[in-house]
PDB file of N, CA and C in Angstrom:
ATOM      1  N   UNK A   1       1.014  -1.221   0.096  1.00  0.00           N
ATOM      2  CA  UNK A   1      -0.105  -0.146  -0.147  1.00  0.00           C
ATOM      3  C   UNK A   1       1.189   1.153  -0.104  1.00  0.00           C
ATOM      4  N   UNK A   2       0.468   2.384  -0.684  1.00  0.00           N
ATOM      5  CA  UNK A   2       1.263   3.629  -0.825  1.00  0.00           C
ATOM      6  C   UNK A   2       0.560   4.429   0.083  1.00  0.00           C
ATOM      7  N   UNK A   3       1.076   5.011   0.990  1.00  0.00           N
ATOM      8  CA  UNK A   3       0.452   5.933   1.819  1.00  0.00           C
ATOM      9  C   UNK A   3       0.255   7.345   1.564  1.00  0.00           C
ATOM     10  N   UNK A   4       1.301   7.605   0.688  1.00  0.00           N
ATOM     11  CA  UNK A   4       1.502   9.016   0.313  1.00  0.00           C
ATOM     12  C   UNK A   4       0.889   9.243  -1.119  1.00  0.00           C
ATOM     13  N   UNK A   5       0.351  10.859  -1.111  1.00  0.00           N
ATOM     14  CA  UNK A   5      -0.140  11.361  -2.181  1.00  0.00           C
ATOM     15  C   UNK A   5       0.880  11.552  -3.503  1.00  0.00           C
ATOM     16  N   UNK A   6       0.196  11.731  -4.489  1.00  0.00           N
ATOM     17  CA  UNK A   6       0.859  12.210  -5.689  1.00  0.00           C
ATOM     18  C   UNK A   6       1.638  13.648  -5.416  1.00  0.00           C
ATOM     19  N   UNK A   7       0.414  14.375  -4.754  1.00  0.00           N
ATOM     20  CA  UNK A   7       0.606  15.901  -4.381  1.00  0.00           C
ATOM     21  C   UNK A   7       2.217  15.766  -3.421  1.00  0.00           C
ATOM     22  N   UNK A   8       2.082  14.919  -2.372  1.00  0.00           N
ATOM     23  CA  UNK A   8       3.447  14.957  -1.521  1.00  0.00           C
ATOM     24  C   UNK A   8       4.495  14.619  -2.051  1.00  0.00           C
ATOM     25  N   UNK A   9       4.490  13.422  -3.101  1.00  0.00           N
ATOM     26  CA  UNK A   9       5.734  13.072  -3.877  1.00  0.00           C
ATOM     27  C   UNK A   9       6.164  14.026  -4.908  1.00  0.00           C
ATOM     28  N   UNK A  10       5.329  15.181  -5.223  1.00  0.00           N
ATOM     29  CA  UNK A  10       5.758  15.806  -6.347  1.00  0.00           C
ATOM     30  C   UNK A  10       6.228  17.294  -5.957  1.00  0.00           C
ATOM     31  N   UNK A  11       7.171  17.706  -6.713  1.00  0.00           N
ATOM     32  CA  UNK A  11       7.972  19.024  -6.413  1.00  0.00           C
ATOM     33  C   UNK A  11       6.802  20.152  -6.004  1.00  0.00           C
ATOM     34  N   UNK A  12       7.064  21.095  -4.949  1.00  0.00           N
ATOM     35  CA  UNK A  12       5.903  22.012  -4.683  1.00  0.00           C
ATOM     36  C   UNK A  12       6.134  23.345  -5.542  1.00  0.00           C
ATOM     37  N   UNK A  13       7.075  23.463  -6.438  1.00  0.00           N
ATOM     38  CA  UNK A  13       7.173  24.394  -7.001  1.00  0.00           C
ATOM     39  C   UNK A  13       6.102  24.743  -8.106  1.00  0.00           C
ATOM     40  N   UNK A  14       5.568  23.703  -8.594  1.00  0.00           N
ATOM     41  CA  UNK A  14       4.664  23.465  -9.620  1.00  0.00           C
ATOM     42  C   UNK A  14       5.186  22.960 -10.868  1.00  0.00           C
ATOM     43  N   UNK A  15       6.254  22.404 -11.090  1.00  0.00           N
ATOM     44  CA  UNK A  15       7.092  21.973 -12.019  1.00  0.00           C
ATOM     45  C   UNK A  15       6.484  20.531 -12.610  1.00  0.00           C
ATOM     46  N   UNK A  16       5.972  19.965 -11.471  1.00  0.00           N
ATOM     47  CA  UNK A  16       5.240  18.565 -11.945  1.00  0.00           C
ATOM     48  C   UNK A  16       6.491  17.490 -11.597  1.00  0.00           C
ATOM     49  N   UNK A  17       7.603  17.643 -11.254  1.00  0.00           N
ATOM     50  CA  UNK A  17       8.724  16.564 -11.151  1.00  0.00           C
ATOM     51  C   UNK A  17       8.210  15.860  -9.773  1.00  0.00           C
ATOM     52  N   UNK A  18       8.271  14.537 -10.170  1.00  0.00           N
ATOM     53  CA  UNK A  18       7.988  13.234  -9.155  1.00  0.00           C
ATOM     54  C   UNK A  18       8.995  12.147  -9.408  1.00  0.00           C
ATOM     55  N   UNK A  19       9.979  12.124  -8.769  1.00  0.00           N
ATOM     56  CA  UNK A  19      11.125  11.058  -8.934  1.00  0.00           C
ATOM     57  C   UNK A  19      10.940  10.068  -7.639  1.00  0.00           C
ATOM     58  N   UNK A  20       9.955  10.040  -6.910  1.00  0.00           N
ATOM     59  CA  UNK A  20       9.801   9.399  -5.732  1.00  0.00           C
ATOM     60  C   UNK A  20       9.258   7.944  -6.363  1.00  0.00           C
ATOM     61  N   UNK A  21       8.345   8.051  -7.228  1.00  0.00           N
ATOM     62  CA  UNK A  21       7.799   6.804  -7.787  1.00  0.00           C
ATOM     63  C   UNK A  21       8.798   5.907  -8.467  1.00  0.00           C
ATOM     64  N   UNK A  22      10.103   6.652  -8.966  1.00  0.00           N
ATOM     65  CA  UNK A  22      11.059   5.989  -9.833  1.00  0.00           C
ATOM     66  C   UNK A  22      12.002   5.345  -8.729  1.00  0.00           C
ATOM     67  N   UNK A  23      11.994   5.373  -7.447  1.00  0.00           N
ATOM     68  CA  UNK A  23      12.626   4.850  -6.361  1.00  0.00           C
ATOM     69  C   UNK A  23      11.786   3.891  -5.575  1.00  0.00           C
ATOM     70  N   UNK A  24      11.434   2.653  -5.982  1.00  0.00           N
ATOM     71  CA  UNK A  24      10.438   1.749  -5.331  1.00  0.00           C
ATOM     72  C   UNK A  24      11.205   1.208  -3.865  1.00  0.00           C
ATOM     73  N   UNK A  25      12.683   0.996  -3.846  1.00  0.00           N
ATOM     74  CA  UNK A  25      13.260   0.904  -2.603  1.00  0.00           C
ATOM     75  C   UNK A  25      12.683   1.919  -1.424  1.00  0.00           C
ATOM     76  N   UNK A  26      12.980   3.163  -1.697  1.00  0.00           N
ATOM     77  CA  UNK A  26      12.837   4.315  -1.018  1.00  0.00           C
ATOM     78  C   UNK A  26      11.465   4.123  -0.448  1.00  0.00           C
ATOM     79  N   UNK A  27      10.578   4.050  -1.572  1.00  0.00           N
ATOM     80  CA  UNK A  27       8.795   4.144  -1.371  1.00  0.00           C
ATOM     81  C   UNK A  27       8.438   3.184  -0.551  1.00  0.00           C
ATOM     82  N   UNK A  28       9.143   1.881  -0.553  1.00  0.00           N
ATOM     83  CA  UNK A  28       8.559   0.723  -0.021  1.00  0.00           C
ATOM     84  C   UNK A  28       9.028   0.983   1.751  1.00  0.00           C
ATOM     85  N   UNK A  29      10.404   1.395   1.779  1.00  0.00           N
ATOM     86  CA  UNK A  29      10.841   1.497   3.270  1.00  0.00           C
ATOM     87  C   UNK A  29      10.031   2.645   3.989  1.00  0.00           C
ATOM     88  N   UNK A  30       9.633   3.728   3.105  1.00  0.00           N
ATOM     89  CA  UNK A  30       8.965   4.865   3.756  1.00  0.00           C
ATOM     90  C   UNK A  30       7.307   4.212   4.126  1.00  0.00           C
ATOM     91  N   UNK A  31       6.853   3.596   3.132  1.00  0.00           N
ATOM     92  CA  UNK A  31       5.538   3.011   3.666  1.00  0.00           C
ATOM     93  C   UNK A  31       5.494   2.191   4.822  1.00  0.00           C
ATOM     94  N   UNK A  32       6.600   1.340   4.718  1.00  0.00           N
ATOM     95  CA  UNK A  32       6.918   0.517   5.735  1.00  0.00           C
ATOM     96  C   UNK A  32       6.974   1.244   7.103  1.00  0.00           C
ATOM     97  N   UNK A  33       7.766   2.154   6.906  1.00  0.00           N
ATOM     98  CA  UNK A  33       7.992   3.040   8.250  1.00  0.00           C
ATOM     99  C   UNK A  33       6.504   3.742   8.769  1.00  0.00           C
ATOM    100  N   UNK A  34       5.878   4.100   7.845  1.00  0.00           N
ATOM    101  CA  UNK A  34       4.183   4.488   8.083  1.00  0.00           C
ATOM    102  C   UNK A  34       3.550   3.401   8.835  1.00  0.00           C
ATOM    103  N   UNK A  35       3.639   2.271   8.528  1.00  0.00           N
ATOM    104  CA  UNK A  35       2.891   1.042   8.923  1.00  0.00           C
ATOM    105  C   UNK A  35       3.367   0.934  10.426  1.00  0.00           C
ATOM    106  N   UNK A  36       4.425   0.858  10.628  1.00  0.00           N
ATOM    107  CA  UNK A  36       5.232   0.691  11.934  1.00  0.00           C
ATOM    108  C   UNK A  36       4.831   1.944  12.785  1.00  0.00           C
ATOM    109  N   UNK A  37       4.652   2.855  12.384  1.00  0.00           N
ATOM    110  CA  UNK A  37       4.352   4.133  13.053  1.00  0.00           C
ATOM    111  C   UNK A  37       2.973   4.157  13.596  1.00  0.00           C
ATOM    112  N   UNK A  38       2.245   3.643  12.936  1.00  0.00           N
ATOM    113  CA  UNK A  38       0.776   3.469  13.174  1.00  0.00           C
ATOM    114  C   UNK A  38      -0.164   4.481  13.168  1.00  0.00           C
ATOM    115  N   UNK A  39       0.439   5.570  12.571  1.00  0.00           N
ATOM    116  CA  UNK A  39      -0.638   6.773  12.389  1.00  0.00           C
ATOM    117  C   UNK A  39      -0.106   7.639  11.007  1.00  0.00           C
ATOM    118  N   UNK A  40      -0.970   8.364  10.405  1.00  0.00           N
ATOM    119  CA  UNK A  40      -0.570   9.083   9.208  1.00  0.00           C
ATOM    120  C   UNK A  40       0.627   9.912   9.430  1.00  0.00           C
ATOM    121  N   UNK A  41       1.519   9.830   8.542  1.00  0.00           N
ATOM    122  CA  UNK A  41       2.449  10.737   8.145  1.00  0.00           C
ATOM    123  C   UNK A  41       2.517  11.576   7.110  1.00  0.00           C
ATOM    124  N   UNK A  42       2.560  13.020   7.492  1.00  0.00           N
ATOM    125  CA  UNK A  42       2.378  13.993   6.494  1.00  0.00           C
ATOM    126  C   UNK A  42       3.734  14.439   5.630  1.00  0.00           C
ATOM    127  N   UNK A  43       4.104  14.185   4.411  1.00  0.00           N
ATOM    128  CA  UNK A  43       5.287  14.394   3.819  1.00  0.00           C
ATOM    129  C   UNK A  43       5.133  16.066   3.245  1.00  0.00           C
ATOM    130  N   UNK A  44       6.191  16.707   4.228  1.00  0.00           N
ATOM    131  CA  UNK A  44       6.178  18.282   3.574  1.00  0.00           C
ATOM    132  C   UNK A  44       6.915  18.508   2.499  1.00  0.00           C
ATOM    133  N   UNK A  45       7.886  17.524   2.177  1.00  0.00           N
ATOM    134  CA  UNK A  45       8.910  17.642   1.002  1.00  0.00           C
ATOM    135  C   UNK A  45       9.409  16.346   0.747  1.00  0.00           C
ATOM    136  N   UNK A  46       9.240  15.762  -0.657  1.00  0.00           N
ATOM    137  CA  UNK A  46       9.855  14.673  -1.126  1.00  0.00           C
ATOM    138  C   UNK A  46      10.715  15.124  -2.449  1.00  0.00           C
ATOM    139  N   UNK A  47      10.154  15.156  -3.455  1.00  0.00           N
ATOM    140  CA  UNK A  47      10.689  15.406  -4.665  1.00  0.00           C
ATOM    141  C   UNK A  47      11.051  16.987  -4.724  1.00  0.00           C
ATOM    142  N   UNK A  48      12.373  17.380  -4.950  1.00  0.00           N
ATOM    143  CA  UNK A  48      12.515  18.791  -5.322  1.00  0.00           C
ATOM    144  C   UNK A  48      13.440  18.923  -6.647  1.00  0.00           C
ATOM    145  N   UNK A  49      12.824  19.786  -7.573  1.00  0.00           N
ATOM    146  CA  UNK A  49      13.763  20.115  -8.874  1.00  0.00           C
ATOM    147  C   UNK A  49      14.847  20.869  -8.180  1.00  0.00           C
ATOM    148  N   UNK A  50      15.940  20.809  -8.904  1.00  0.00           N
ATOM    149  CA  UNK A  50      17.203  21.619  -8.616  1.00  0.00           C
ATOM    150  C   UNK A  50      16.873  23.003  -8.330  1.00  0.00           C
ATOM    151  N   UNK A  51      15.937  23.572  -9.069  1.00  0.00           N
ATOM    152  CA  UNK A  51      15.771  25.284  -8.756  1.00  0.00           C
ATOM    153  C   UNK A  51      14.927  25.251  -7.435  1.00  0.00           C
ATOM    154  N   UNK A  52      14.034  24.581  -7.093  1.00  0.00           N
ATOM    155  CA  UNK A  52      13.096  24.667  -5.976  1.00  0.00           C
ATOM    156  C   UNK A  52      14.197  24.323  -4.995  1.00  0.00           C
ATOM    157  N   UNK A  53      14.818  23.242  -4.990  1.00  0.00           N
ATOM    158  CA  UNK A  53      15.688  22.893  -3.804  1.00  0.00           C
ATOM    159  C   UNK A  53      16.607  24.166  -3.470  1.00  0.00           C
ATOM    160  N   UNK A  54      17.390  24.717  -4.415  1.00  0.00           N
ATOM    161  CA  UNK A  54      18.104  25.825  -4.260  1.00  0.00           C
ATOM    162  C   UNK A  54      17.225  27.038  -3.542  1.00  0.00           C
ATOM    163  N   UNK A  55      15.917  27.146  -4.233  1.00  0.00           N
ATOM    164  CA  UNK A  55      15.103  28.462  -3.412  1.00  0.00           C
ATOM    165  C   UNK A  55      14.693  28.277  -2.180  1.00  0.00           C
ATOM    166  N   UNK A  56      14.908  26.806  -1.614  1.00  0.00           N
ATOM    167  CA  UNK A  56      14.480  26.738  -0.271  1.00  0.00           C
ATOM    168  C   UNK A  56      15.658  26.275   0.848  1.00  0.00           C
ATOM    169  N   UNK A  57      16.723  26.696   0.074  1.00  0.00           N
ATOM    170  CA  UNK A  57      18.243  26.460   0.758  1.00  0.00           C
ATOM    171  C   UNK A  57      18.453  25.059   0.813  1.00  0.00           C
ATOM    172  N   UNK A  58      18.207  24.019   0.054  1.00  0.00           N
ATOM    173  CA  UNK A  58      18.542  22.981   0.156  1.00  0.00           C
ATOM    174  C   UNK A  58      19.985  22.808  -0.434  1.00  0.00           C
ATOM    175  N   UNK A  59      20.688  21.488  -0.153  1.00  0.00           N
ATOM    176  CA  UNK A  59      21.911  21.132  -0.289  1.00  0.00           C
ATOM    177  C   UNK A  59      21.958  20.741  -1.681  1.00  0.00           C
ATOM    178  N   UNK A  60      22.950  21.383  -2.760  1.00  0.00           N
ATOM    179  CA  UNK A  60      23.050  21.025  -4.070  1.00  0.00           C
ATOM    180  C   UNK A  60      23.171  19.569  -4.160  1.00  0.00           C
ATOM    181  N   UNK A  61      22.576  18.806  -5.072  1.00  0.00           N
ATOM    182  CA  UNK A  61      22.774  17.443  -4.993  1.00  0.00           C
ATOM    183  C   UNK A  61      22.107  16.465  -3.917  1.00  0.00           C
ATOM    184  N   UNK A  62      21.169  17.336  -3.188  1.00  0.00           N
ATOM    185  CA  UNK A  62      20.353  16.692  -2.181  1.00  0.00           C
ATOM    186  C   UNK A  62      19.608  15.342  -2.955  1.00  0.00           C
ATOM    187  N   UNK A  63      19.433  14.510  -1.940  1.00  0.00           N
ATOM    188  CA  UNK A  63      18.400  13.371  -2.173  1.00  0.00           C
ATOM    189  C   UNK A  63      17.058  13.637  -2.503  1.00  0.00           C
ATOM    190  N   UNK A  64      16.719  15.019  -2.143  1.00  0.00           N
ATOM    191  CA  UNK A  64      15.254  15.468  -2.465  1.00  0.00           C
ATOM    192  C   UNK A  64      15.329  15.454  -4.039  1.00  0.00           C
ATOM    193  N   UNK A  65      16.626  15.855  -4.782  1.00  0.00           N
ATOM    194  CA  UNK A  65      16.623  15.994  -6.284  1.00  0.00           C
ATOM    195  C   UNK A  65      16.290  14.789  -6.988  1.00  0.00           C
ATOM    196  N   UNK A  66      16.551  13.673  -6.420  1.00  0.00           N
ATOM    197  CA  UNK A  66      16.415  12.335  -7.074  1.00  0.00           C
ATOM    198  C   UNK A  66      15.372  11.464  -6.514  1.00  0.00           C
ATOM    199  N   UNK A  67      14.484  12.149  -5.503  1.00  0.00           N
ATOM    200  CA  UNK A  67      13.393  11.415  -5.269  1.00  0.00           C
ATOM    201  C   UNK A  67      13.800  10.355  -4.059  1.00  0.00           C
ATOM    202  N   UNK A  68      14.879  10.496  -3.331  1.00  0.00           N
ATOM    203  CA  UNK A  68      15.127   9.753  -2.304  1.00  0.00           C
ATOM    204  C   UNK A  68      15.099  10.318  -0.991  1.00  0.00           C
ATOM    205  N   UNK A  69      14.217  11.139  -0.710  1.00  0.00           N
ATOM    206  CA  UNK A  69      14.387  11.845   0.636  1.00  0.00           C
ATOM    207  C   UNK A  69      12.918  12.194   0.972  1.00  0.00           C
ATOM    208  N   UNK A  70      12.520  12.279   2.314  1.00  0.00           N
ATOM    209  CA  UNK A  70      11.311  12.787   2.577  1.00  0.00           C
ATOM    210  C   UNK A  70      11.551  13.654   4.164  1.00  0.00           C
ATOM    211  N   UNK A  71      10.652  14.895   4.162  1.00  0.00           N
ATOM    212  CA  UNK A  71      10.564  15.625   5.278  1.00  0.00           C
ATOM    213  C   UNK A  71       9.202  15.346   5.799  1.00  0.00           C
ATOM    214  N   UNK A  72       9.340  14.693   6.869  1.00  0.00           N
ATOM    215  CA  UNK A  72       8.045  14.480   7.341  1.00  0.00           C
ATOM    216  C   UNK A  72       7.525  15.321   8.562  1.00  0.00           C
ATOM    217  N   UNK A  73       6.336  15.713   8.680  1.00  0.00           N
ATOM    218  CA  UNK A  73       5.882  16.612   9.580  1.00  0.00           C
ATOM    219  C   UNK A  73       5.622  16.087  11.100  1.00  0.00           C
ATOM    220  N   UNK A  74       6.562  16.527  11.818  1.00  0.00           N
ATOM    221  CA  UNK A  74       6.511  15.907  13.208  1.00  0.00           C
ATOM    222  C   UNK A  74       6.835  17.118  14.197  1.00  0.00           C
ATOM    223  N   UNK A  75       6.431  17.167  15.169  1.00  0.00           N
ATOM    224  CA  UNK A  75       6.677  18.312  16.335  1.00  0.00           C
ATOM    225  C   UNK A  75       6.800  17.724  17.605  1.00  0.00           C
ATOM    226  N   UNK A  76       6.012  17.104  18.145  1.00  0.00           N
ATOM    227  CA  UNK A  76       6.004  16.720  19.499  1.00  0.00           C
ATOM    228  C   UNK A  76       7.245  15.612  19.887  1.00  0.00           C
ATOM    229  N   UNK A  77       8.031  15.722  21.060  1.00  0.00           N
ATOM    230  CA  UNK A  77       9.163  14.821  21.249  1.00  0.00           C
ATOM    231  C   UNK A  77       8.717  13.475  21.373  1.00  0.00           C
ATOM    232  N   UNK A  78       7.714  13.074  22.015  1.00  0.00           N
ATOM    233  CA  UNK A  78       7.312  11.545  21.823  1.00  0.00           C
ATOM    234  C   UNK A  78       7.013  11.009  20.555  1.00  0.00           C
ATOM    235  N   UNK A  79       6.288  11.836  19.836  1.00  0.00           N
ATOM    236  CA  UNK A  79       6.002  11.464  18.241  1.00  0.00           C
ATOM    237  C   UNK A  79       7.418  11.299  17.430  1.00  0.00           C
ATOM    238  N   UNK A  80       8.425  12.289  17.642  1.00  0.00           N
ATOM    239  CA  UNK A  80       9.733  12.211  16.989  1.00  0.00           C
ATOM    240  C   UNK A  80      10.280  10.927  17.259  1.00  0.00           C
ATOM    241  N   UNK A  81      10.420  10.434  18.552  1.00  0.00           N
ATOM    242  CA  UNK A  81      11.109   9.287  19.150  1.00  0.00           C
ATOM    243  C   UNK A  81      10.331   8.217  18.603  1.00  0.00           C
ATOM    244  N   UNK A  82       9.404   8.087  18.416  1.00  0.00           N
ATOM    245  CA  UNK A  82       8.499   7.007  17.847  1.00  0.00           C
ATOM    246  C   UNK A  82       8.661   6.857  16.419  1.00  0.00           C
ATOM    247  N   UNK A  83       8.502   8.192  15.576  1.00  0.00           N
ATOM    248  CA  UNK A  83       8.871   8.360  14.408  1.00  0.00           C
ATOM    249  C   UNK A  83      10.232   7.875  13.878  1.00  0.00           C
ATOM    250  N   UNK A  84      11.284   8.006  14.431  1.00  0.00           N
ATOM    251  CA  UNK A  84      12.547   7.780  14.280  1.00  0.00           C
ATOM    252  C   UNK A  84      12.709   6.216  14.573  1.00  0.00           C
ATOM    253  N   UNK A  85      12.172   5.713  15.415  1.00  0.00           N
ATOM    254  CA  UNK A  85      12.216   4.112  15.670  1.00  0.00           C
ATOM    255  C   UNK A  85      11.679   3.372  14.557  1.00  0.00           C
ATOM    256  N   UNK A  86      10.419   3.997  14.006  1.00  0.00           N
ATOM    257  CA  UNK A  86       9.715   3.347  12.886  1.00  0.00           C
ATOM    258  C   UNK A  86      10.635   3.632  11.684  1.00  0.00           C
ATOM    259  N   UNK A  87      11.311   4.545  11.508  1.00  0.00           N
ATOM    260  CA  UNK A  87      12.186   4.847  10.256  1.00  0.00           C
ATOM    261  C   UNK A  87      13.346   3.872  10.183  1.00  0.00           C
ATOM    262  N   UNK A  88      13.874   3.833  11.375  1.00  0.00           N
ATOM    263  CA  UNK A  88      15.110   2.848  11.825  1.00  0.00           C
ATOM    264  C   UNK A  88      14.554   1.268  11.414  1.00  0.00           C
ATOM    265  N   UNK A  89      13.427   0.970  12.185  1.00  0.00           N
ATOM    266  CA  UNK A  89      13.162  -0.240  12.120  1.00  0.00           C
ATOM    267  C   UNK A  89      12.612  -0.749  10.453  1.00  0.00           C
ATOM    268  N   UNK A  90      12.450   0.434   9.687  1.00  0.00           N
ATOM    269  CA  UNK A  90      11.837   0.190   8.251  1.00  0.00           C
ATOM    270  C   UNK A  90      13.257  -0.018   7.449  1.00  0.00           C
ATOM    271  N   UNK A  91      14.451   0.333   8.050  1.00  0.00           N
ATOM    272  CA  UNK A  91      15.673   0.238   7.398  1.00  0.00           C
ATOM    273  C   UNK A  91      16.472   1.543   6.949  1.00  0.00           C
ATOM    274  N   UNK A  92      15.827   2.775   7.398  1.00  0.00           N
ATOM    275  CA  UNK A  92      16.498   3.981   7.119  1.00  0.00           C
ATOM    276  C   UNK A  92      17.738   4.277   8.064  1.00  0.00           C
ATOM    277  N   UNK A  93      18.809   4.592   7.386  1.00  0.00           N
ATOM    278  CA  UNK A  93      19.971   4.857   8.310  1.00  0.00           C
ATOM    279  C   UNK A  93      20.555   6.006   8.204  1.00  0.00           C
ATOM    280  N   UNK A  94      19.736   7.203   7.413  1.00  0.00           N
ATOM    281  CA  UNK A  94      20.175   8.324   7.484  1.00  0.00           C
ATOM    282  C   UNK A  94      18.942   9.366   7.847  1.00  0.00           C
ATOM    283  N   UNK A  95      18.900   9.880   8.974  1.00  0.00           N
ATOM    284  CA  UNK A  95      17.662  10.271   9.686  1.00  0.00           C
ATOM    285  C   UNK A  95      18.179  11.713  10.149  1.00  0.00           C
ATOM    286  N   UNK A  96      17.634  12.888  10.035  1.00  0.00           N
ATOM    287  CA  UNK A  96      17.814  13.998  10.630  1.00  0.00           C
ATOM    288  C   UNK A  96      16.576  14.775  11.249  1.00  0.00           C
ATOM    289  N   UNK A  97      16.722  14.869  12.680  1.00  0.00           N
ATOM    290  CA  UNK A  97      15.671  15.543  13.362  1.00  0.00           C
ATOM    291  C   UNK A  97      15.525  17.268  13.293  1.00  0.00           C
ATOM    292  N   UNK A  98      14.838  17.719  12.640  1.00  0.00           N
ATOM    293  CA  UNK A  98      14.719  19.383  12.569  1.00  0.00           C
ATOM    294  C   UNK A  98      13.591  19.773  13.519  1.00  0.00           C
ATOM    295  N   UNK A  99      13.569  21.252  13.469  1.00  0.00           N
ATOM    296  CA  UNK A  99      12.712  21.856  14.331  1.00  0.00           C
ATOM    297  C   UNK A  99      11.165  21.318  14.026  1.00  0.00           C
ATOM    298  N   UNK A 100      10.878  21.232  12.756  1.00  0.00           N
ATOM    299  CA  UNK A 100       9.214  20.878  12.535  1.00  0.00           C
ATOM    300  C   UNK A 100       9.062  19.550  11.727  1.00  0.00           C
ATOM    301  N   UNK A 101      10.184  18.879  11.405  1.00  0.00           N
ATOM    302  CA  UNK A 101      10.041  17.665  10.648  1.00  0.00           C
ATOM    303  C   UNK A 101      11.196  16.790  11.045  1.00  0.00           C
ATOM    304  N   UNK A 102      10.989  15.600  10.545  1.00  0.00           N
ATOM    305  CA  UNK A 102      12.063  14.590  10.640  1.00  0.00           C
ATOM    306  C   UNK A 102      12.248  14.186   9.202  1.00  0.00           C
ATOM    307  N   UNK A 103      13.649  14.310   8.802  1.00  0.00           N
ATOM    308  CA  UNK A 103      14.202  13.925   7.214  1.00  0.00           C
ATOM    309  C   UNK A 103      14.668  12.648   7.314  1.00  0.00           C
ATOM    310  N   UNK A 104      14.212  11.984   6.433  1.00  0.00           N
ATOM    311  CA  UNK A 104      14.819  10.419   6.220  1.00  0.00           C
ATOM    312  C   UNK A 104      15.098  10.411   4.651  1.00  0.00           C
ATOM    313  N   UNK A 105      16.513   9.875   4.638  1.00  0.00           N
ATOM    314  CA  UNK A 105      16.619   9.919   3.014  1.00  0.00           C
ATOM    315  C   UNK A 105      17.686   8.496   2.713  1.00  0.00           C
ATOM    316  N   UNK A 106      17.544   8.051   1.406  1.00  0.00           N
ATOM    317  CA  UNK A 106      18.587   7.206   1.011  1.00  0.00           C
ATOM    318  C   UNK A 106      19.657   7.687   0.000  1.00  0.00           C
ATOM    319  N   UNK A 107      20.270   8.783   0.207  1.00  0.00           N
ATOM    320  CA  UNK A 107      21.316   9.365  -0.754  1.00  0.00           C
ATOM    321  C   UNK A 107      22.230   8.317  -1.108  1.00  0.00           C
ATOM    322  N   UNK A 108      22.572   8.112  -2.143  1.00  0.00           N
ATOM    323  CA  UNK A 108      23.586   6.998  -2.792  1.00  0.00           C
ATOM    324  C   UNK A 108      25.152   7.644  -2.463  1.00  0.00           C
ATOM    325  N   UNK A 109      25.690   6.745  -1.677  1.00  0.00           N
ATOM    326  CA  UNK A 109      27.006   6.987  -1.494  1.00  0.00           C
ATOM    327  C   UNK A 109      27.087   7.961  -0.282  1.00  0.00           C
ATOM    328  N   UNK A 110      26.280   8.151   0.360  1.00  0.00           N
ATOM    329  CA  UNK A 110      26.360   9.012   1.983  1.00  0.00           C
ATOM    330  C   UNK A 110      26.357   8.178   2.972  1.00  0.00           C
ATOM    331  N   UNK A 111      27.402   8.442   4.004  1.00  0.00           N
ATOM    332  CA  UNK A 111      27.398   7.650   5.251  1.00  0.00           C
ATOM    333  C   UNK A 111      26.174   7.513   5.928  1.00  0.00           C
ATOM    334  N   UNK A 112      26.012   6.619   6.770  1.00  0.00           N
ATOM    335  CA  UNK A 112      24.687   6.631   7.977  1.00  0.00           C
ATOM    336  C   UNK A 112      24.911   7.829   8.563  1.00  0.00           C
ATOM    337  N   UNK A 113      23.580   8.287   9.146  1.00  0.00           N
ATOM    338  CA  UNK A 113      23.611   9.732   9.902  1.00  0.00           C
ATOM    339  C   UNK A 113      22.241   9.535  10.785  1.00  0.00           C
ATOM    340  N   UNK A 114      22.433   9.717  12.120  1.00  0.00           N
ATOM    341  CA  UNK A 114      21.500  10.400  12.894  1.00  0.00           C
ATOM    342  C   UNK A 114      21.941  11.646  13.516  1.00  0.00           C
ATOM    343  N   UNK A 115      20.922  12.709  13.028  1.00  0.00           N
ATOM    344  CA  UNK A 115      21.552  13.979  13.526  1.00  0.00           C
ATOM    345  C   UNK A 115      20.422  14.961  13.680  1.00  0.00           C
ATOM    346  N   UNK A 116      20.729  15.701  14.845  1.00  0.00           N
ATOM    347  CA  UNK A 116      19.503  16.751  15.368  1.00  0.00           C
ATOM    348  C   UNK A 116      20.050  18.183  14.922  1.00  0.00           C
ATOM    349  N   UNK A 117      19.303  18.880  14.231  1.00  0.00           N
ATOM    350  CA  UNK A 117      19.673  19.838  13.727  1.00  0.00           C
ATOM    351  C   UNK A 117      19.077  21.151  14.468  1.00  0.00           C
ATOM    352  N   UNK A 118      19.666  22.002  15.098  1.00  0.00           N
ATOM    353  CA  UNK A 118      19.402  22.967  16.182  1.00  0.00           C
ATOM    354  C   UNK A 118      19.230  24.238  15.574  1.00  0.00           C
ATOM    355  N   UNK A 119      18.597  25.267  16.083  1.00  0.00           N
ATOM    356  CA  UNK A 119      18.434  26.436  15.823  1.00  0.00           C
ATOM    357  C   UNK A 119      19.792  27.218  15.372  1.00  0.00           C
ATOM    358  N   UNK A 120      20.036  27.870  14.530  1.00  0.00           N
ATOM    359  CA  UNK A 120      21.336  28.357  14.271  1.00  0.00           C
ATOM    360  C   UNK A 120      22.168  27.486  13.174  1.00  0.00           C
ATOM    361  N   UNK A 121      21.493  26.601  12.587  1.00  0.00           N
ATOM    362  CA  UNK A 121      22.067  25.876  11.661  1.00  0.00           C
ATOM    363  C   UNK A 121      22.961  24.706  12.110  1.00  0.00           C
ATOM    364  N   UNK A 122      23.221  24.691  13.264  1.00  0.00           N
ATOM    365  CA  UNK A 122      24.414  23.624  13.820  1.00  0.00           C
ATOM    366  C   UNK A 122      23.620  22.091  13.817  1.00  0.00           C
ATOM    367  N   UNK A 123      24.797  21.233  13.641  1.00  0.00           N
ATOM    368  CA  UNK A 123      24.280  19.819  13.798  1.00  0.00           C
ATOM    369  C   UNK A 123      24.845  19.258  15.108  1.00  0.00           C
ATOM    370  N   UNK A 124      24.117  18.345  15.665  1.00  0.00           N
ATOM    371  CA  UNK A 124      24.635  17.742  16.868  1.00  0.00           C
ATOM    372  C   UNK A 124      24.806  16.222  16.348  1.00  0.00           C
TER     373      UNK A 124
END
């Protein structure tokens, strides 16, 4: 089952780019994490075209550009812990906790990561 809408998977600039559906391993893990989490997950950002990625301050060559990343809305501390556990149990090894969301990706060639991004841009 695919819990994520085409609108969530598609670049939000209006260009229509969707690379998530081209990455079945990523989508399978994300849907598995949703099942383990046991409640809806709202993806704020998945695919980004290079222009939109730059406009929102994304890293050039980001996993968002090739449809292998998701920023999932999550604010509460307990929800974050539960979501991180679900993502890890689903097989994600690159997870970043940010102020308003949890980022998970499968960037090719990138090392495993569990990071907390704090105000001011630092990573712990």
